[in-house]
Amino acid sequence: MGRSLNVMVDLQDPKILAIIIFDIIGIGAFVWFLSSRLSLKLKVIEQRKENKRKQILGEGGKSQSNADTKNR
């Protein structure tokens, strides 16, 4: 009918060790992938903010210079 739930897992079994090592490597690769995607996304967001800030400052400077020339 299957193994009893009271039986402990034998950590010296080569198959169990292989599965555990494979799982740890897989989880590590997954975490690396997610962190690299997240850092790339954050860089893109920072670049967009910087470009928007430069655009706003550029337009603000042009508006002030146009206002100064109109007042003269």
PDB file of N, CA and C in Angstrom:
ATOM      1  N   MET A   1       0.807  -1.187   0.000  1.00  0.00           N
ATOM      2  CA  MET A   1       0.000   0.000   0.000  1.00  0.00           C
ATOM      3  C   MET A   1       0.856   1.259   0.000  1.00  0.00           C
ATOM      4  N   GLY A   2       2.114   1.160   0.186  1.00  0.00           N
ATOM      5  CA  GLY A   2       2.984   2.326   0.190  1.00  0.00           C
ATOM      6  C   GLY A   2       3.757   2.411   1.482  1.00  0.00           C
ATOM      7  N   ARG A   3       4.577   3.394   1.558  1.00  0.00           N
ATOM      8  CA  ARG A   3       5.399   3.564   2.750  1.00  0.00           C
ATOM      9  C   ARG A   3       4.607   4.190   3.874  1.00  0.00           C
ATOM     10  N   SER A   4       4.992   3.878   5.044  1.00  0.00           N
ATOM     11  CA  SER A   4       4.367   4.461   6.222  1.00  0.00           C
ATOM     12  C   SER A   4       4.891   5.882   6.408  1.00  0.00           C
ATOM     13  N   LEU A   5       4.079   6.737   6.948  1.00  0.00           N
ATOM     14  CA  LEU A   5       4.485   8.120   7.187  1.00  0.00           C
ATOM     15  C   LEU A   5       5.498   8.228   8.322  1.00  0.00           C
ATOM     16  N   ASN A   6       5.636   7.192   9.121  1.00  0.00           N
ATOM     17  CA  ASN A   6       6.551   7.222  10.249  1.00  0.00           C
ATOM     18  C   ASN A   6       7.987   6.946   9.843  1.00  0.00           C
ATOM     19  N   VAL A   7       8.221   6.534   8.614  1.00  0.00           N
ATOM     20  CA  VAL A   7       9.569   6.204   8.170  1.00  0.00           C
ATOM     21  C   VAL A   7      10.309   7.497   7.853  1.00  0.00           C
ATOM     22  N   MET A   8      11.518   7.645   8.391  1.00  0.00           N
ATOM     23  CA  MET A   8      12.332   8.838   8.140  1.00  0.00           C
ATOM     24  C   MET A   8      12.954   8.754   6.743  1.00  0.00           C
ATOM     25  N   VAL A   9      13.233   9.891   6.160  1.00  0.00           N
ATOM     26  CA  VAL A   9      13.893   9.931   4.859  1.00  0.00           C
ATOM     27  C   VAL A   9      15.373   9.666   5.073  1.00  0.00           C
ATOM     28  N   ASP A  10      15.901   8.771   4.281  1.00  0.00           N
ATOM     29  CA  ASP A  10      17.324   8.415   4.374  1.00  0.00           C
ATOM     30  C   ASP A  10      18.119   9.403   3.525  1.00  0.00           C
ATOM     31  N   LEU A  11      18.797  10.348   4.175  1.00  0.00           N
ATOM     32  CA  LEU A  11      19.541  11.378   3.442  1.00  0.00           C
ATOM     33  C   LEU A  11      20.841  10.854   2.850  1.00  0.00           C
ATOM     34  N   GLN A  12      21.171   9.612   3.118  1.00  0.00           N
ATOM     35  CA  GLN A  12      22.370   9.028   2.523  1.00  0.00           C
ATOM     36  C   GLN A  12      22.053   8.291   1.229  1.00  0.00           C
ATOM     37  N   ASP A  13      20.779   8.266   0.870  1.00  0.00           N
ATOM     38  CA  ASP A  13      20.374   7.635  -0.384  1.00  0.00           C
ATOM     39  C   ASP A  13      20.835   8.534  -1.539  1.00  0.00           C
ATOM     40  N   PRO A  14      21.605   8.013  -2.493  1.00  0.00           N
ATOM     41  CA  PRO A  14      22.121   8.842  -3.595  1.00  0.00           C
ATOM     42  C   PRO A  14      21.010   9.480  -4.438  1.00  0.00           C
ATOM     43  N   LYS A  15      19.887   8.798  -4.588  1.00  0.00           N
ATOM     44  CA  LYS A  15      18.797   9.370  -5.386  1.00  0.00           C
ATOM     45  C   LYS A  15      18.195  10.588  -4.685  1.00  0.00           C
ATOM     46  N   ILE A  16      18.000  10.489  -3.388  1.00  0.00           N
ATOM     47  CA  ILE A  16      17.445  11.616  -2.629  1.00  0.00           C
ATOM     48  C   ILE A  16      18.418  12.792  -2.660  1.00  0.00           C
ATOM     49  N   LEU A  17      19.709  12.520  -2.481  1.00  0.00           N
ATOM     50  CA  LEU A  17      20.708  13.594  -2.530  1.00  0.00           C
ATOM     51  C   LEU A  17      20.724  14.265  -3.899  1.00  0.00           C
ATOM     52  N   ALA A  18      20.614  13.478  -4.957  1.00  0.00           N
ATOM     53  CA  ALA A  18      20.602  14.044  -6.311  1.00  0.00           C
ATOM     54  C   ALA A  18      19.385  14.938  -6.504  1.00  0.00           C
ATOM     55  N   ILE A  19      18.243  14.501  -6.015  1.00  0.00           N
ATOM     56  CA  ILE A  19      17.017  15.304  -6.138  1.00  0.00           C
ATOM     57  C   ILE A  19      17.150  16.605  -5.351  1.00  0.00           C
ATOM     58  N   ILE A  20      17.692  16.529  -4.143  1.00  0.00           N
ATOM     59  CA  ILE A  20      17.858  17.732  -3.315  1.00  0.00           C
ATOM     60  C   ILE A  20      18.825  18.710  -3.980  1.00  0.00           C
ATOM     61  N   ILE A  21      19.940  18.220  -4.479  1.00  0.00           N
ATOM     62  CA  ILE A  21      20.919  19.085  -5.150  1.00  0.00           C
ATOM     63  C   ILE A  21      20.307  19.705  -6.399  1.00  0.00           C
ATOM     64  N   PHE A  22      19.581  18.911  -7.175  1.00  0.00           N
ATOM     65  CA  PHE A  22      18.928  19.425  -8.383  1.00  0.00           C
ATOM     66  C   PHE A  22      17.932  20.522  -8.030  1.00  0.00           C
ATOM     67  N   ASP A  23      17.148  20.305  -6.972  1.00  0.00           N
ATOM     68  CA  ASP A  23      16.172  21.313  -6.538  1.00  0.00           C
ATOM     69  C   ASP A  23      16.848  22.599  -6.098  1.00  0.00           C
ATOM     70  N   ILE A  24      17.941  22.477  -5.349  1.00  0.00           N
ATOM     71  CA  ILE A  24      18.656  23.673  -4.875  1.00  0.00           C
ATOM     72  C   ILE A  24      19.221  24.460  -6.052  1.00  0.00           C
ATOM     73  N   ILE A  25      19.780  23.757  -7.029  1.00  0.00           N
ATOM     74  CA  ILE A  25      20.314  24.438  -8.224  1.00  0.00           C
ATOM     75  C   ILE A  25      19.187  25.105  -9.000  1.00  0.00           C
ATOM     76  N   GLY A  26      18.057  24.410  -9.125  1.00  0.00           N
ATOM     77  CA  GLY A  26      16.914  24.981  -9.841  1.00  0.00           C
ATOM     78  C   GLY A  26      16.359  26.216  -9.160  1.00  0.00           C
ATOM     79  N   ILE A  27      16.236  26.169  -7.860  1.00  0.00           N
ATOM     80  CA  ILE A  27      15.733  27.329  -7.112  1.00  0.00           C
ATOM     81  C   ILE A  27      16.720  28.485  -7.215  1.00  0.00           C
ATOM     82  N   GLY A  28      18.006  28.192  -7.142  1.00  0.00           N
ATOM     83  CA  GLY A  28      19.019  29.237  -7.284  1.00  0.00           C
ATOM     84  C   GLY A  28      18.955  29.906  -8.646  1.00  0.00           C
ATOM     85  N   ALA A  29      18.790  29.099  -9.706  1.00  0.00           N
ATOM     86  CA  ALA A  29      18.688  29.662 -11.054  1.00  0.00           C
ATOM     87  C   ALA A  29      17.430  30.520 -11.186  1.00  0.00           C
ATOM     88  N   PHE A  30      16.349  30.076 -10.591  1.00  0.00           N
ATOM     89  CA  PHE A  30      15.098  30.836 -10.648  1.00  0.00           C
ATOM     90  C   PHE A  30      15.232  32.172  -9.930  1.00  0.00           C
ATOM     91  N   VAL A  31      15.834  32.166  -8.758  1.00  0.00           N
ATOM     92  CA  VAL A  31      16.034  33.402  -7.991  1.00  0.00           C
ATOM     93  C   VAL A  31      16.962  34.348  -8.760  1.00  0.00           C
ATOM     94  N   TRP A  32      18.027  33.804  -9.365  1.00  0.00           N
ATOM     95  CA  TRP A  32      18.939  34.638 -10.162  1.00  0.00           C
ATOM     96  C   TRP A  32      18.192  35.271 -11.333  1.00  0.00           C
ATOM     97  N   PHE A  33      17.369  34.477 -12.021  1.00  0.00           N
ATOM     98  CA  PHE A  33      16.617  34.983 -13.162  1.00  0.00           C
ATOM     99  C   PHE A  33      15.682  36.111 -12.742  1.00  0.00           C
ATOM    100  N   LEU A  34      14.931  35.895 -11.666  1.00  0.00           N
ATOM    101  CA  LEU A  34      14.008  36.932 -11.211  1.00  0.00           C
ATOM    102  C   LEU A  34      14.731  38.197 -10.766  1.00  0.00           C
ATOM    103  N   SER A  35      15.855  38.044 -10.065  1.00  0.00           N
ATOM    104  CA  SER A  35      16.576  39.232  -9.601  1.00  0.00           C
ATOM    105  C   SER A  35      17.178  40.007 -10.771  1.00  0.00           C
ATOM    106  N   SER A  36      17.656  39.299 -11.797  1.00  0.00           N
ATOM    107  CA  SER A  36      18.218  40.005 -12.951  1.00  0.00           C
ATOM    108  C   SER A  36      17.125  40.740 -13.712  1.00  0.00           C
ATOM    109  N   ARG A  37      15.945  40.127 -13.841  1.00  0.00           N
ATOM    110  CA  ARG A  37      14.832  40.793 -14.518  1.00  0.00           C
ATOM    111  C   ARG A  37      14.369  42.014 -13.730  1.00  0.00           C
ATOM    112  N   LEU A  38      14.327  41.882 -12.422  1.00  0.00           N
ATOM    113  CA  LEU A  38      13.898  42.995 -11.575  1.00  0.00           C
ATOM    114  C   LEU A  38      14.886  44.153 -11.645  1.00  0.00           C
ATOM    115  N   SER A  39      16.174  43.853 -11.597  1.00  0.00           N
ATOM    116  CA  SER A  39      17.163  44.934 -11.665  1.00  0.00           C
ATOM    117  C   SER A  39      17.137  45.604 -13.039  1.00  0.00           C
ATOM    118  N   LEU A  40      16.918  44.836 -14.099  1.00  0.00           N
ATOM    119  CA  LEU A  40      16.809  45.418 -15.431  1.00  0.00           C
ATOM    120  C   LEU A  40      15.590  46.337 -15.514  1.00  0.00           C
ATOM    121  N   LYS A  41      14.478  45.892 -14.948  1.00  0.00           N
ATOM    122  CA  LYS A  41      13.261  46.700 -14.962  1.00  0.00           C
ATOM    123  C   LYS A  41      13.453  47.991 -14.168  1.00  0.00           C
ATOM    124  N   LEU A  42      14.127  47.912 -13.026  1.00  0.00           N
ATOM    125  CA  LEU A  42      14.377  49.113 -12.231  1.00  0.00           C
ATOM    126  C   LEU A  42      15.272  50.099 -12.978  1.00  0.00           C
ATOM    127  N   LYS A  43      16.262  49.597 -13.726  1.00  0.00           N
ATOM    128  CA  LYS A  43      17.119  50.482 -14.521  1.00  0.00           C
ATOM    129  C   LYS A  43      16.314  51.191 -15.594  1.00  0.00           C
ATOM    130  N   VAL A  44      15.407  50.470 -16.244  1.00  0.00           N
ATOM    131  CA  VAL A  44      14.571  51.077 -17.284  1.00  0.00           C
ATOM    132  C   VAL A  44      13.675  52.155 -16.675  1.00  0.00           C
ATOM    133  N   ILE A  45      13.113  51.886 -15.520  1.00  0.00           N
ATOM    134  CA  ILE A  45      12.250  52.869 -14.855  1.00  0.00           C
ATOM    135  C   ILE A  45      13.055  54.114 -14.486  1.00  0.00           C
ATOM    136  N   GLU A  46      14.268  53.927 -13.966  1.00  0.00           N
ATOM    137  CA  GLU A  46      15.112  55.078 -13.620  1.00  0.00           C
ATOM    138  C   GLU A  46      15.468  55.894 -14.857  1.00  0.00           C
ATOM    139  N   GLN A  47      15.742  55.232 -15.975  1.00  0.00           N
ATOM    140  CA  GLN A  47      16.046  55.958 -17.210  1.00  0.00           C
ATOM    141  C   GLN A  47      14.840  56.755 -17.682  1.00  0.00           C
ATOM    142  N   ARG A  48      13.648  56.173 -17.581  1.00  0.00           N
ATOM    143  CA  ARG A  48      12.435  56.897 -17.975  1.00  0.00           C
ATOM    144  C   ARG A  48      12.225  58.115 -17.094  1.00  0.00           C
ATOM    145  N   LYS A  49      12.432  57.954 -15.795  1.00  0.00           N
ATOM    146  CA  LYS A  49      12.280  59.093 -14.876  1.00  0.00           C
ATOM    147  C   LYS A  49      13.286  60.186 -15.221  1.00  0.00           C
ATOM    148  N   GLU A  50      14.532  59.797 -15.486  1.00  0.00           N
ATOM    149  CA  GLU A  50      15.566  60.776 -15.813  1.00  0.00           C
ATOM    150  C   GLU A  50      15.239  61.506 -17.109  1.00  0.00           C
ATOM    151  N   ASN A  51      14.796  60.757 -18.124  1.00  0.00           N
ATOM    152  CA  ASN A  51      14.430  61.387 -19.394  1.00  0.00           C
ATOM    153  C   ASN A  51      13.249  62.332 -19.217  1.00  0.00           C
ATOM    154  N   LYS A  52      12.268  61.927 -18.407  1.00  0.00           N
ATOM    155  CA  LYS A  52      11.120  62.790 -18.164  1.00  0.00           C
ATOM    156  C   LYS A  52      11.543  64.048 -17.410  1.00  0.00           C
ATOM    157  N   ARG A  53      12.448  63.889 -16.425  1.00  0.00           N
ATOM    158  CA  ARG A  53      12.946  65.030 -15.662  1.00  0.00           C
ATOM    159  C   ARG A  53      13.690  66.006 -16.576  1.00  0.00           C
ATOM    160  N   LYS A  54      14.525  65.462 -17.476  1.00  0.00           N
ATOM    161  CA  LYS A  54      15.255  66.328 -18.408  1.00  0.00           C
ATOM    162  C   LYS A  54      14.301  67.046 -19.349  1.00  0.00           C
ATOM    163  N   GLN A  55      13.258  66.313 -19.794  1.00  0.00           N
ATOM    164  CA  GLN A  55      12.294  66.917 -20.699  1.00  0.00           C
ATOM    165  C   GLN A  55      11.532  68.037 -20.000  1.00  0.00           C
ATOM    166  N   ILE A  56      11.132  67.813 -18.763  1.00  0.00           N
ATOM    167  CA  ILE A  56      10.406  68.843 -18.006  1.00  0.00           C
ATOM    168  C   ILE A  56      11.300  70.050 -17.757  1.00  0.00           C
ATOM    169  N   LEU A  57      12.560  69.806 -17.377  1.00  0.00           N
ATOM    170  CA  LEU A  57      13.480  70.919 -17.146  1.00  0.00           C
ATOM    171  C   LEU A  57      13.762  71.666 -18.436  1.00  0.00           C
ATOM    172  N   GLY A  58      13.875  70.941 -19.547  1.00  0.00           N
ATOM    173  CA  GLY A  58      14.117  71.585 -20.843  1.00  0.00           C
ATOM    174  C   GLY A  58      12.949  72.447 -21.259  1.00  0.00           C
ATOM    175  N   GLU A  59      11.728  71.950 -21.087  1.00  0.00           N
ATOM    176  CA  GLU A  59      10.543  72.721 -21.442  1.00  0.00           C
ATOM    177  C   GLU A  59      10.356  73.893 -20.486  1.00  0.00           C
ATOM    178  N   GLY A  60      10.684  73.677 -19.221  1.00  0.00           N
ATOM    179  CA  GLY A  60      10.565  74.756 -18.241  1.00  0.00           C
ATOM    180  C   GLY A  60      11.526  75.890 -18.565  1.00  0.00           C
ATOM    181  N   GLY A  61      12.722  75.566 -18.992  1.00  0.00           N
ATOM    182  CA  GLY A  61      13.699  76.581 -19.360  1.00  0.00           C
ATOM    183  C   GLY A  61      13.269  77.335 -20.602  1.00  0.00           C
ATOM    184  N   LYS A  62      12.678  76.653 -21.565  1.00  0.00           N
ATOM    185  CA  LYS A  62      12.203  77.303 -22.785  1.00  0.00           C
ATOM    186  C   LYS A  62      11.025  78.211 -22.477  1.00  0.00           C
ATOM    187  N   SER A  63      10.151  77.760 -21.580  1.00  0.00           N
ATOM    188  CA  SER A  63       8.984  78.573 -21.220  1.00  0.00           C
ATOM    189  C   SER A  63       9.423  79.854 -20.534  1.00  0.00           C
ATOM    190  N   GLN A  64      10.412  79.750 -19.661  1.00  0.00           N
ATOM    191  CA  GLN A  64      10.890  80.940 -18.967  1.00  0.00           C
ATOM    192  C   GLN A  64      11.574  81.880 -19.945  1.00  0.00           C
ATOM    193  N   SER A  65      12.352  81.348 -20.887  1.00  0.00           N
ATOM    194  CA  SER A  65      13.038  82.226 -21.828  1.00  0.00           C
ATOM    195  C   SER A  65      12.034  82.879 -22.770  1.00  0.00           C
ATOM    196  N   ASN A  66      10.967  82.166 -23.142  1.00  0.00           N
ATOM    197  CA  ASN A  66       9.936  82.753 -23.982  1.00  0.00           C
ATOM    198  C   ASN A  66       9.190  83.834 -23.211  1.00  0.00           C
ATOM    199  N   ALA A  67       8.924  83.611 -21.955  1.00  0.00           N
ATOM    200  CA  ALA A  67       8.248  84.613 -21.137  1.00  0.00           C
ATOM    201  C   ALA A  67       9.119  85.850 -20.983  1.00  0.00           C
ATOM    202  N   ASP A  68      10.434  85.662 -20.830  1.00  0.00           N
ATOM    203  CA  ASP A  68      11.339  86.805 -20.709  1.00  0.00           C
ATOM    204  C   ASP A  68      11.379  87.612 -21.982  1.00  0.00           C
ATOM    205  N   THR A  69      11.360  86.974 -23.140  1.00  0.00           N
ATOM    206  CA  THR A  69      11.427  87.712 -24.394  1.00  0.00           C
ATOM    207  C   THR A  69      10.114  88.441 -24.662  1.00  0.00           C
ATOM    208  N   LYS A  70       8.992  87.857 -24.202  1.00  0.00           N
ATOM    209  CA  LYS A  70       7.699  88.535 -24.400  1.00  0.00           C
ATOM    210  C   LYS A  70       7.588  89.768 -23.524  1.00  0.00           C
ATOM    211  N   ASN A  71       8.205  89.732 -22.334  1.00  0.00           N
ATOM    212  CA  ASN A  71       8.114  90.855 -21.410  1.00  0.00           C
ATOM    213  C   ASN A  71       9.021  92.006 -21.838  1.00  0.00           C
ATOM    214  N   ARG A  72       9.955  91.759 -22.703  1.00  0.00           N
ATOM    215  CA  ARG A  72      10.891  92.824 -23.104  1.00  0.00           C
ATOM    216  C   ARG A  72      10.311  93.754 -24.101  1.00  0.00           C
TER     217      ARG A  72
END
